[in-house]
Amino acid sequence: MADAPIYIHAGAHRTGTSSFQMCLHENRHVLDARGWTTAYPGRDGIPSGDLALRLPSGRRVDPEAAAKKAARGLDAYRDGRPVILAEENVPGRMFHFMQGQFYPFANVRCAALRSAWAGPIAHVMLVVRPYDQLFVSSFRKRAEDNEMRDFDDVRDSYMNMDRGWPDLVTLMQDILQPECMTVVPYASRGTNVDLLKLLVRDLEAEALVEPKRLVNQSATDAALLALQKRYRRGENLSRHDWQAVIKQYADDTDPKGFAAFSETEIAELSARYESDLKQIEWMTSVSFA
């Protein structure tokens, strides 16, 4: 029996994907009653998240082996019902931004995902964010649990990124071959229920609720500076430990220059983003929200 249709919220990173996953958690019983299967990870504290989708991260990939590994992560959701899947790591990791690479392994990851699901990919939705915000936010997020170089050391990599959103959108569309693809600018993202209704357009909105608590909130400059000081001393902090530091400094919201672009750099990155949005908007086979 062929797999049922799957609807994929493919991120991107730092665009509220964890909140969307929490929305699926809060509405899982309503969606189940309406005949939907939901799939999402629990990495950001989503209580019922159990998706473990393993996609390749390298140039030398055995396509058959990669597809089998991805398929095993999806087996639990092959129950004959349509699936709503939310996973921001479909295109890849944020780490590569600091090397001037914009999701360099998205092609092999999408190929593995497409091969792993025998049914139609009914819809792929991607939320995109301005480059200056995306790069700063990704740097800050990684700094929560990793020792980092100073932002000035990676600034040029961000400013000279090898490609951008239009390239990723084209790649995902060509490889995943969804029946429909929608790109949502972060500024017009709306609520999580809005996104869910956009992803599954015939879904009845009655009884759907917004998440009751925020997830994956950003750390303050004070918290990140305190964490980096400890990492540079050689400390290896557990998740509980570094989250405690973030909580400790949550009220110290004064900017301390941890990571920021200059006004000139912001203008340059903003112009590139606006140009790229226009390019995506011109794509005849992509819906632009």
Protein backbone atom coordinates (compact mmCIF):
# COMPACT_ATOMS: atom_id res chain seq x y z
CA MET A 1 0.00 0.00 0.00
CA ALA A 2 1.36 3.40 -0.99
CA ASP A 3 1.98 5.98 1.68
CA ALA A 4 -0.73 8.58 2.29
CA PRO A 5 -0.19 12.24 1.36
CA ILE A 6 2.23 14.15 3.55
CA TYR A 7 2.17 17.88 4.32
CA ILE A 8 5.58 19.25 5.29
CA HIS A 9 6.40 22.36 7.30
CA ALA A 10 10.12 22.45 6.41
CA GLY A 11 11.18 25.30 8.68
CA ALA A 12 13.23 27.28 8.19
CA HIS A 13 15.37 27.67 11.28
CA ARG A 14 14.73 30.63 13.59
CA THR A 15 11.30 31.30 12.10
CA GLY A 16 9.11 29.94 14.89
CA THR A 17 9.14 26.29 13.87
CA SER A 18 9.32 25.10 17.48
CA SER A 19 6.21 27.13 18.28
CA PHE A 20 4.47 25.54 15.32
CA GLN A 21 5.48 22.11 16.61
CA MET A 22 4.05 23.05 19.99
CA CYS A 23 0.86 24.01 18.18
CA LEU A 24 0.69 20.51 16.70
CA HIS A 25 1.21 19.12 20.19
CA GLU A 26 -1.59 21.23 21.67
CA ASN A 27 -3.95 20.21 18.86
CA ARG A 28 -2.85 16.60 18.42
CA HIS A 29 -6.06 15.09 19.82
CA VAL A 30 -8.28 17.28 17.64
CA LEU A 31 -6.20 16.47 14.58
CA ASP A 32 -6.19 12.76 15.42
CA ALA A 33 -9.97 12.78 15.73
CA ARG A 34 -10.21 14.40 12.32
CA GLY A 35 -8.11 11.70 10.70
CA TRP A 36 -4.64 13.25 10.70
CA THR A 37 -1.32 11.83 11.85
CA THR A 38 1.19 14.36 13.21
CA ALA A 39 4.98 14.07 13.24
CA TYR A 40 7.39 16.47 14.95
CA PRO A 41 10.55 16.20 17.07
CA GLY A 42 10.84 16.91 20.77
CA ARG A 43 14.26 18.56 20.72
CA ASP A 44 12.99 21.92 22.00
CA GLY A 45 10.91 20.49 24.79
CA ILE A 46 7.81 19.58 22.79
CA PRO A 47 6.24 17.02 25.19
CA SER A 48 4.84 14.58 22.64
CA GLY A 49 7.48 15.08 19.96
CA ASP A 50 9.01 11.79 18.88
CA LEU A 51 10.05 12.31 15.27
CA ALA A 52 13.65 11.21 14.65
CA LEU A 53 14.15 11.95 10.98
CA ARG A 54 17.75 11.12 10.00
CA LEU A 55 18.88 12.91 6.85
CA PRO A 56 22.42 12.92 5.39
CA SER A 57 24.92 15.70 6.06
CA GLY A 58 27.76 15.29 3.61
CA ARG A 59 28.67 15.32 -0.06
CA ARG A 60 29.60 11.65 -0.26
CA VAL A 61 26.26 9.98 0.29
CA ASP A 62 24.96 6.57 -0.64
CA PRO A 63 21.48 7.56 -1.87
CA GLU A 64 19.94 4.14 -1.17
CA ALA A 65 21.34 3.96 2.37
CA ALA A 66 20.31 7.54 3.09
CA ALA A 67 16.77 6.86 1.89
CA LYS A 68 16.50 3.73 4.07
CA LYS A 69 17.70 5.63 7.13
CA ALA A 70 15.18 8.40 6.52
CA ALA A 71 12.43 5.85 5.90
CA ARG A 72 13.02 4.23 9.28
CA GLY A 73 12.37 7.59 10.93
CA LEU A 74 9.03 7.84 9.15
CA ASP A 75 7.83 4.26 9.66
CA ALA A 76 5.87 5.11 12.81
CA TYR A 77 3.68 7.48 10.81
CA ARG A 78 2.69 5.12 8.01
CA ASP A 79 -0.79 4.38 9.32
CA GLY A 80 -2.71 5.06 6.11
CA ARG A 81 -3.77 8.54 7.18
CA PRO A 82 -2.46 11.85 5.79
CA VAL A 83 0.49 13.20 7.75
CA ILE A 84 1.36 16.70 8.96
CA LEU A 85 5.12 16.82 9.50
CA ALA A 86 7.08 19.73 10.98
CA GLU A 87 10.88 19.51 10.90
CA GLU A 88 13.15 22.55 10.50
CA ASN A 89 16.17 20.39 9.69
CA VAL A 90 14.89 19.29 6.28
CA PRO A 91 17.23 21.74 4.48
CA GLY A 92 20.11 21.22 6.90
CA ARG A 93 21.94 22.81 9.83
CA MET A 94 22.60 26.45 10.68
CA PHE A 95 26.24 25.73 11.48
CA HIS A 96 27.25 26.15 7.84
CA PHE A 97 26.15 29.79 7.76
CA MET A 98 29.35 30.65 9.61
CA GLN A 99 31.29 29.08 6.73
CA GLY A 100 29.48 31.17 4.13
CA GLN A 101 27.36 28.22 3.00
CA PHE A 102 23.58 28.37 2.82
CA TYR A 103 22.32 24.84 3.53
CA PRO A 104 25.03 23.11 1.44
CA PHE A 105 23.58 19.62 1.82
CA ALA A 106 19.94 20.46 1.17
CA ASN A 107 20.00 18.55 -2.10
CA VAL A 108 21.01 15.19 -0.62
CA ARG A 109 18.71 15.69 2.37
CA CYS A 110 15.69 16.43 0.22
CA ALA A 111 16.53 13.53 -2.08
CA ALA A 112 16.62 11.14 0.88
CA LEU A 113 13.30 12.46 2.17
CA ARG A 114 11.63 12.19 -1.23
CA SER A 115 12.83 8.59 -1.63
CA ALA A 116 11.78 7.71 1.92
CA TRP A 117 8.10 8.54 1.41
CA ALA A 118 6.28 6.54 -1.27
CA GLY A 119 3.16 8.67 -1.23
CA PRO A 120 2.60 12.15 -2.63
CA ILE A 121 4.09 15.20 -0.96
CA ALA A 122 0.93 17.25 -1.01
CA HIS A 123 2.37 20.53 0.24
CA VAL A 124 5.72 21.94 1.35
CA MET A 125 5.71 25.17 3.36
CA LEU A 126 8.84 27.20 4.08
CA VAL A 127 8.98 30.30 6.29
CA VAL A 128 11.82 32.63 5.31
CA ARG A 129 13.40 35.37 7.40
CA PRO A 130 15.52 38.45 6.55
CA TYR A 131 19.17 37.47 6.29
CA ASP A 132 20.48 39.86 8.94
CA GLN A 133 17.95 38.56 11.49
CA LEU A 134 18.47 34.94 10.46
CA PHE A 135 22.25 35.01 10.73
CA VAL A 136 22.34 36.84 14.06
CA SER A 137 19.63 34.62 15.52
CA SER A 138 21.36 31.43 14.36
CA PHE A 139 24.69 32.61 15.80
CA ARG A 140 23.06 33.39 19.13
CA LYS A 141 21.21 30.08 19.21
CA ARG A 142 24.35 28.06 18.62
CA ALA A 143 26.15 30.08 21.30
CA GLU A 144 23.76 28.72 23.93
CA ASP A 145 25.43 25.32 24.00
CA ASN A 146 28.68 25.72 22.06
CA GLU A 147 31.88 27.70 22.43
CA MET A 148 31.87 30.29 19.66
CA ARG A 149 34.32 32.55 17.90
CA ASP A 150 33.58 36.25 18.17
CA PHE A 151 30.90 37.50 15.80
CA ASP A 152 33.48 39.70 14.05
CA ASP A 153 35.37 36.55 13.04
CA VAL A 154 32.43 35.21 11.00
CA ARG A 155 30.92 38.48 9.82
CA ASP A 156 32.47 38.24 6.33
CA SER A 157 31.07 34.73 5.86
CA TYR A 158 27.57 36.00 6.47
CA MET A 159 28.05 38.99 4.19
CA ASN A 160 29.39 36.78 1.36
CA MET A 161 26.96 33.87 1.63
CA ASP A 162 27.17 31.62 -1.41
CA ARG A 163 23.43 31.54 -2.14
CA GLY A 164 20.07 32.32 -0.59
CA TRP A 165 16.36 31.63 -0.30
CA PRO A 166 15.52 31.45 -4.04
CA ASP A 167 18.14 28.74 -4.54
CA LEU A 168 16.75 26.73 -1.62
CA VAL A 169 13.15 27.11 -2.79
CA THR A 170 14.04 25.99 -6.32
CA LEU A 171 16.05 23.04 -5.02
CA MET A 172 13.30 21.87 -2.66
CA GLN A 173 10.68 22.15 -5.34
CA ASP A 174 12.74 20.29 -7.95
CA ILE A 175 13.75 17.43 -5.65
CA LEU A 176 10.75 17.02 -3.33
CA GLN A 177 8.32 17.61 -6.22
CA PRO A 178 5.42 18.69 -4.01
CA GLU A 179 1.98 19.15 -5.47
CA CYS A 180 2.09 22.62 -3.94
CA MET A 181 4.81 24.77 -2.35
CA THR A 182 4.23 27.89 -0.28
CA VAL A 183 6.82 30.42 0.87
CA VAL A 184 5.87 32.59 3.84
CA PRO A 185 7.90 35.71 4.72
CA TYR A 186 8.54 35.83 8.45
CA ALA A 187 6.95 39.27 8.75
CA SER A 188 3.60 37.89 7.55
CA ARG A 189 3.82 34.57 9.37
CA GLY A 190 0.76 35.20 11.56
CA THR A 191 -0.24 32.78 14.29
CA ASN A 192 0.64 29.12 14.45
CA VAL A 193 -2.97 28.21 13.72
CA ASP A 194 -2.78 30.50 10.68
CA LEU A 195 0.22 28.55 9.45
CA LEU A 196 -1.49 25.23 10.06
CA LYS A 197 -4.50 26.36 8.06
CA LEU A 198 -2.17 27.53 5.30
CA LEU A 199 -0.32 24.21 5.23
CA VAL A 200 -3.52 22.14 5.19
CA ARG A 201 -5.93 24.40 3.39
CA ASP A 202 -9.08 22.32 3.80
CA LEU A 203 -8.55 21.88 7.54
CA GLU A 204 -11.41 23.12 9.69
CA ALA A 205 -10.10 25.76 12.08
CA GLU A 206 -12.75 25.28 14.73
CA ALA A 207 -11.37 24.01 18.05
CA LEU A 208 -7.74 24.62 17.05
CA VAL A 209 -5.82 26.53 19.72
CA GLU A 210 -2.56 28.45 20.02
CA PRO A 211 0.23 27.02 22.21
CA LYS A 212 -0.12 27.95 25.87
CA ARG A 213 3.60 28.44 26.42
CA LEU A 214 6.49 29.77 24.40
CA VAL A 215 9.34 27.50 23.38
CA ASN A 216 12.88 28.06 22.15
CA GLN A 217 13.03 31.64 23.41
CA SER A 218 16.21 33.58 22.71
CA ALA A 219 18.82 34.13 25.41
CA THR A 220 19.85 37.65 26.42
CA ASP A 221 23.29 39.08 25.67
CA ALA A 222 24.14 38.80 29.36
CA ALA A 223 23.32 35.09 29.37
CA LEU A 224 25.30 34.40 26.21
CA LEU A 225 28.35 36.27 27.47
CA ALA A 226 28.20 34.33 30.75
CA LEU A 227 27.89 31.04 28.86
CA GLN A 228 30.76 31.81 26.50
CA LYS A 229 32.98 32.70 29.44
CA ARG A 230 32.35 29.28 30.93
CA TYR A 231 32.77 27.40 27.65
CA ARG A 232 36.07 29.16 27.02
CA ARG A 233 37.23 28.00 30.43
CA GLY A 234 36.68 24.47 29.20
CA GLU A 235 33.43 23.75 31.02
CA ASN A 236 31.08 21.19 29.48
CA LEU A 237 27.56 22.19 30.49
CA SER A 238 24.57 19.89 30.40
CA ARG A 239 21.35 21.08 28.80
CA HIS A 240 19.92 21.66 32.27
CA ASP A 241 22.96 23.73 33.24
CA TRP A 242 23.03 26.06 30.24
CA GLN A 243 19.28 26.54 30.34
CA ALA A 244 19.64 27.53 34.00
CA VAL A 245 22.12 30.24 32.99
CA ILE A 246 19.70 31.54 30.37
CA LYS A 247 16.96 31.68 32.97
CA GLN A 248 19.28 33.39 35.47
CA TYR A 249 19.96 36.29 33.09
CA ALA A 250 16.52 36.47 31.45
CA ASP A 251 15.69 39.83 33.01
CA ASP A 252 18.97 41.48 31.98
CA THR A 253 17.79 42.56 28.54
CA ASP A 254 20.20 45.45 27.91
CA PRO A 255 22.13 44.98 24.63
CA LYS A 256 25.81 44.24 25.23
CA GLY A 257 27.00 43.86 21.65
CA PHE A 258 27.19 40.08 21.60
CA ALA A 259 26.26 39.78 17.90
CA ALA A 260 25.16 42.56 15.58
CA PHE A 261 25.63 43.83 12.05
CA SER A 262 26.43 47.45 11.28
CA GLU A 263 23.75 49.69 9.76
CA THR A 264 25.52 49.45 6.41
CA GLU A 265 25.60 45.66 6.57
CA ILE A 266 21.94 45.49 7.56
CA ALA A 267 21.03 47.67 4.60
CA GLU A 268 23.00 45.43 2.24
CA LEU A 269 21.50 42.21 3.60
CA SER A 270 18.00 43.72 3.63
CA ALA A 271 18.32 44.75 -0.02
CA ARG A 272 19.41 41.23 -0.93
CA TYR A 273 16.49 39.76 0.99
CA GLU A 274 13.94 42.04 -0.68
CA SER A 275 15.37 41.21 -4.09
CA ASP A 276 15.25 37.50 -3.30
CA LEU A 277 11.65 37.74 -2.11
CA LYS A 278 10.72 39.37 -5.41
CA GLN A 279 12.49 36.57 -7.26
CA ILE A 280 10.50 33.95 -5.31
CA GLU A 281 7.28 35.87 -5.91
CA TRP A 282 7.92 35.64 -9.65
CA MET A 283 8.19 31.84 -9.51
CA THR A 284 5.01 30.68 -11.20
CA SER A 285 4.89 27.30 -9.45
CA VAL A 286 5.31 28.67 -5.91
CA SER A 287 2.59 30.26 -3.79
CA PHE A 288 3.82 33.36 -2.02
CA ALA A 289 1.94 34.17 1.18
